[in-house]
Protein backbone atom coordinates (compact mmCIF):
# COMPACT_ATOMS: atom_id res chain seq x y z
CA MET A 1 57.06 23.55 -26.34
CA THR A 2 58.15 21.02 -23.96
CA GLU A 3 57.03 22.85 -21.05
CA LEU A 4 53.63 23.67 -22.34
CA LYS A 5 53.37 19.70 -23.12
CA ASN A 6 54.12 19.19 -19.63
CA ARG A 7 51.92 21.76 -18.40
CA ARG A 8 48.97 20.46 -20.09
CA ALA A 9 49.89 16.76 -19.33
CA ALA A 10 50.26 17.82 -15.47
CA ALA A 11 46.87 19.70 -15.97
CA THR A 12 45.20 16.44 -17.50
CA LEU A 13 46.67 14.35 -14.88
CA GLU A 14 45.20 16.61 -12.21
CA ILE A 15 41.98 16.79 -13.70
CA GLU A 16 41.61 13.16 -14.25
CA SER A 17 42.85 12.62 -10.46
CA GLU A 18 39.72 14.81 -9.42
CA VAL A 19 37.08 12.99 -11.59
CA VAL A 20 38.57 9.75 -9.83
CA GLN A 21 38.28 11.29 -6.65
CA LEU A 22 34.52 12.69 -7.47
CA ASP A 23 33.85 9.11 -8.84
CA ASN A 24 35.31 7.45 -5.58
CA ARG A 25 33.06 9.96 -3.51
CA ALA A 26 30.06 9.10 -5.69
CA ILE A 27 30.45 5.31 -5.36
CA GLU A 28 31.11 5.32 -1.51
CA LYS A 29 27.90 7.43 -1.00
CA GLU A 30 25.91 4.98 -3.15
CA LYS A 31 27.20 2.11 -1.05
CA LEU A 32 26.20 3.90 2.02
CA ARG A 33 23.10 4.80 0.58
CA GLN A 34 22.14 1.20 -0.27
CA GLU A 35 23.22 -0.13 2.99
CA ARG A 36 20.82 2.27 4.89
CA LYS A 37 18.13 1.26 2.35
CA GLU A 38 19.14 -2.60 3.38
CA ARG A 39 18.92 -1.76 6.94
CA LYS A 40 15.71 -0.26 6.66
CA LYS A 41 14.17 -3.26 4.64
CA TYR A 42 15.65 -5.47 7.42
CA GLU A 43 14.10 -3.69 10.07
CA LEU A 44 10.65 -3.44 8.24
CA LEU A 45 10.50 -7.18 7.13
CA ASN A 46 11.24 -8.29 10.82
CA SER A 47 9.07 -5.49 12.45
CA THR A 48 5.82 -6.56 14.31
CA SER A 49 3.76 -4.59 12.15
CA PHE A 50 4.95 -6.15 8.97
CA SER A 51 4.42 -9.59 10.47
CA LEU A 52 0.93 -8.88 11.80
CA ALA A 53 0.18 -7.23 8.29
CA SER A 54 1.53 -10.38 6.38
CA LYS A 55 -0.55 -13.03 8.82
CA LEU A 56 -3.87 -10.65 8.23
CA SER A 57 -2.90 -10.87 4.53
CA THR A 58 -2.77 -14.88 4.93
CA THR A 59 -5.81 -15.21 7.05
CA LEU A 60 -8.24 -12.79 5.87
CA ASP A 61 -7.33 -13.51 2.10
CA LYS A 62 -5.69 -17.11 1.36
CA TYR A 63 -8.22 -18.68 3.96
CA TYR A 64 -11.13 -16.44 2.62
CA LEU A 65 -11.66 -15.24 6.53
CA ASP A 66 -13.12 -11.71 4.95
CA PRO A 67 -15.55 -13.33 2.65
CA ILE A 68 -16.49 -15.65 5.42
CA ILE A 69 -17.08 -12.76 8.04
CA GLY A 70 -18.79 -10.66 5.26
CA LEU A 71 -21.45 -13.75 4.60
CA PHE A 72 -22.31 -14.14 8.29
CA PHE A 73 -22.38 -10.46 9.11
CA PRO A 74 -23.55 -8.70 6.17
CA GLY A 75 -22.49 -5.31 5.90
CA VAL A 76 -21.37 -4.98 9.48
CA GLY A 77 -18.49 -7.67 8.75
CA ASP A 78 -17.21 -5.98 5.95
CA ILE A 79 -16.61 -2.91 7.99
CA ALA A 80 -15.49 -4.19 10.80
CA THR A 81 -12.80 -6.25 8.68
CA SER A 82 -11.58 -3.16 7.19
CA VAL A 83 -10.30 -2.19 10.44
CA PHE A 84 -7.77 -5.11 9.78
CA GLY A 85 -5.94 -2.51 7.16
CA LEU A 86 -4.73 -0.41 9.92
CA PRO A 87 -1.36 -2.27 10.24
CA PHE A 88 -0.93 -1.78 6.46
CA ILE A 89 -1.76 2.08 6.75
CA TYR A 90 0.46 2.09 9.53
CA ILE A 91 3.59 0.59 7.68
CA SER A 92 3.04 2.96 4.50
CA VAL A 93 2.71 6.13 6.87
CA PHE A 94 5.16 5.34 9.62
CA LYS A 95 7.81 2.94 8.39
CA ILE A 96 7.87 3.67 4.70
CA LYS A 97 6.46 7.29 4.73
CA SER A 98 4.87 7.25 1.30
CA LEU A 99 1.85 9.44 0.82
CA PRO A 100 1.32 7.72 -2.63
CA LEU A 101 1.45 4.57 -1.30
CA THR A 102 -0.63 5.44 1.60
CA LEU A 103 -3.69 6.75 -0.38
CA ALA A 104 -3.13 3.21 -2.69
CA ILE A 105 -3.61 1.30 0.27
CA ILE A 106 -6.69 3.28 1.67
CA TYR A 107 -8.32 3.32 -1.49
CA ASN A 108 -7.97 -0.73 -1.97
CA PHE A 109 -9.47 -1.27 1.26
CA LEU A 110 -12.49 1.15 0.58
CA VAL A 111 -13.02 -0.73 -2.47
CA ASP A 112 -13.22 -3.99 -0.85
CA THR A 113 -15.39 -2.31 1.78
CA LEU A 114 -17.94 -0.74 -0.71
CA VAL A 115 -18.02 -3.80 -2.55
CA GLY A 116 -18.34 -5.99 0.32
CA ILE A 117 -21.20 -4.28 1.82
CA ILE A 118 -23.75 -5.87 -1.06
CA PRO A 119 -25.00 -8.68 0.49
CA ILE A 120 -23.93 -12.08 -1.32
CA VAL A 121 -22.68 -10.73 -4.53
CA GLY A 122 -20.07 -8.61 -2.44
CA ASP A 123 -19.07 -11.96 -0.46
CA ILE A 124 -18.22 -13.49 -3.88
CA PHE A 125 -16.50 -10.89 -4.85
CA ASP A 126 -14.24 -10.77 -1.76
CA VAL A 127 -13.45 -14.46 -2.60
CA PHE A 128 -11.63 -12.98 -5.97
CA LYS A 129 -10.28 -9.71 -4.73
CA ARG A 130 -7.65 -10.09 -2.28
CA SER A 131 -7.21 -6.54 -1.03
CA TYR A 132 -4.88 -7.62 1.91
CA LYS A 133 -2.49 -9.50 -0.46
CA THR A 134 -2.62 -6.58 -2.94
CA ASN A 135 -1.50 -4.00 -0.26
CA LEU A 136 0.66 -6.47 1.19
CA ASP A 137 2.58 -6.70 -2.50
CA LEU A 138 2.27 -2.95 -2.61
CA ILE A 139 4.38 -2.49 0.44
CA VAL A 140 6.93 -5.22 -0.46
CA GLY A 141 7.05 -3.44 -3.75
CA TYR A 142 8.25 -0.10 -2.09
CA VAL A 143 10.41 -1.98 0.18
CA ASP A 144 11.98 -3.96 -2.72
CA ASP A 145 12.48 -0.75 -4.61
CA ASN A 146 10.15 -2.29 -7.62
CA HIS A 147 10.42 0.54 -9.66
CA GLU A 148 7.52 -0.58 -11.78
CA ILE A 149 5.21 -0.51 -8.73
CA ILE A 150 6.47 2.94 -7.49
CA LYS A 151 5.98 4.43 -10.63
CA LYS A 152 2.29 3.09 -10.93
CA VAL A 153 1.63 4.02 -7.38
CA ARG A 154 3.07 7.62 -7.53
CA GLY A 155 1.55 8.39 -10.93
CA GLN A 156 -1.94 7.69 -9.91
CA ALA A 157 -1.80 9.41 -6.33
CA PHE A 158 -3.94 12.53 -7.27
CA LYS A 159 -6.56 10.47 -9.27
CA THR A 160 -6.45 7.80 -6.09
CA ALA A 161 -7.04 10.69 -3.76
CA ILE A 162 -10.03 11.79 -5.60
CA LEU A 163 -11.34 8.13 -6.03
CA ILE A 164 -10.82 7.61 -2.13
CA THR A 165 -13.32 10.54 -1.82
CA VAL A 166 -15.87 9.07 -4.29
CA VAL A 167 -15.70 5.63 -2.90
CA GLY A 168 -16.00 7.13 0.89
CA TYR A 169 -19.29 8.82 0.10
CA LEU A 170 -20.42 5.64 -1.90
CA ILE A 171 -19.57 3.51 1.32
CA TYR A 172 -21.74 6.49 3.17
CA LYS A 173 -24.48 6.01 0.94
CA MET A 174 -24.52 2.26 0.91
CA ILE A 175 -24.67 2.19 4.68
CA ILE A 176 -27.55 4.50 4.76
CA TRP A 177 -29.29 2.19 2.29
CA THR A 178 -28.52 -1.07 4.04
CA ALA A 179 -29.91 0.29 7.58
CA GLY A 180 -32.99 1.47 5.71
CA MET A 181 -33.46 -1.95 4.08
CA ILE A 182 -32.69 -3.66 7.69
CA GLU A 183 -35.42 -1.45 9.16
CA TRP A 184 -37.65 -1.80 6.38
CA MET A 185 -37.15 -5.66 6.56
CA SER A 186 -37.69 -5.99 10.55
CA GLY A 187 -40.99 -3.65 10.17
CA PHE A 188 -42.10 -6.19 7.60
CA ILE A 189 -41.27 -8.85 9.51
CA SER A 190 -42.76 -7.75 12.74
CA SER A 191 -45.92 -6.67 10.90
CA LEU A 192 -46.51 -10.43 10.15
CA PHE A 193 -46.69 -11.40 13.44
């Protein structure tokens, strides 16, 4: 009977030892994962592309350069400023490597472009809708492992992809309409003289 108890005790100790070893390996693996994540975060936050995106966000949204450009160059200015979204897209595609994040960033810029094309109303909207800051916040949220932002962006990825198509089509139609309006206005003005 004592021999049976000794074997059970030895087996229990062996199992407990294996569980402790597994726990230690899991803890070590998690530490390595956290270290890699922190290293990637540090590299991203100190990269030229992130610095550029951060400066663009400040310049175009905080100092209202985006709506000012749109006001002085209606339509064309808003399409031109959308080029400044490329560093944000670059970060999401090549640094973070997240398709849902990339879709969210593209969508935000397309909505900004679509509304910005509308003369005066779009420029007023641009003052309040800060797409560059929103996209920078999404990037920082991903880098900081903000589960709320990540869950929201991933949950809306399919819907965002469809909306990108719709907004892209609307931008195309607005450009055609704006070009027609410019042509009509120039014809009207030239007919006066």
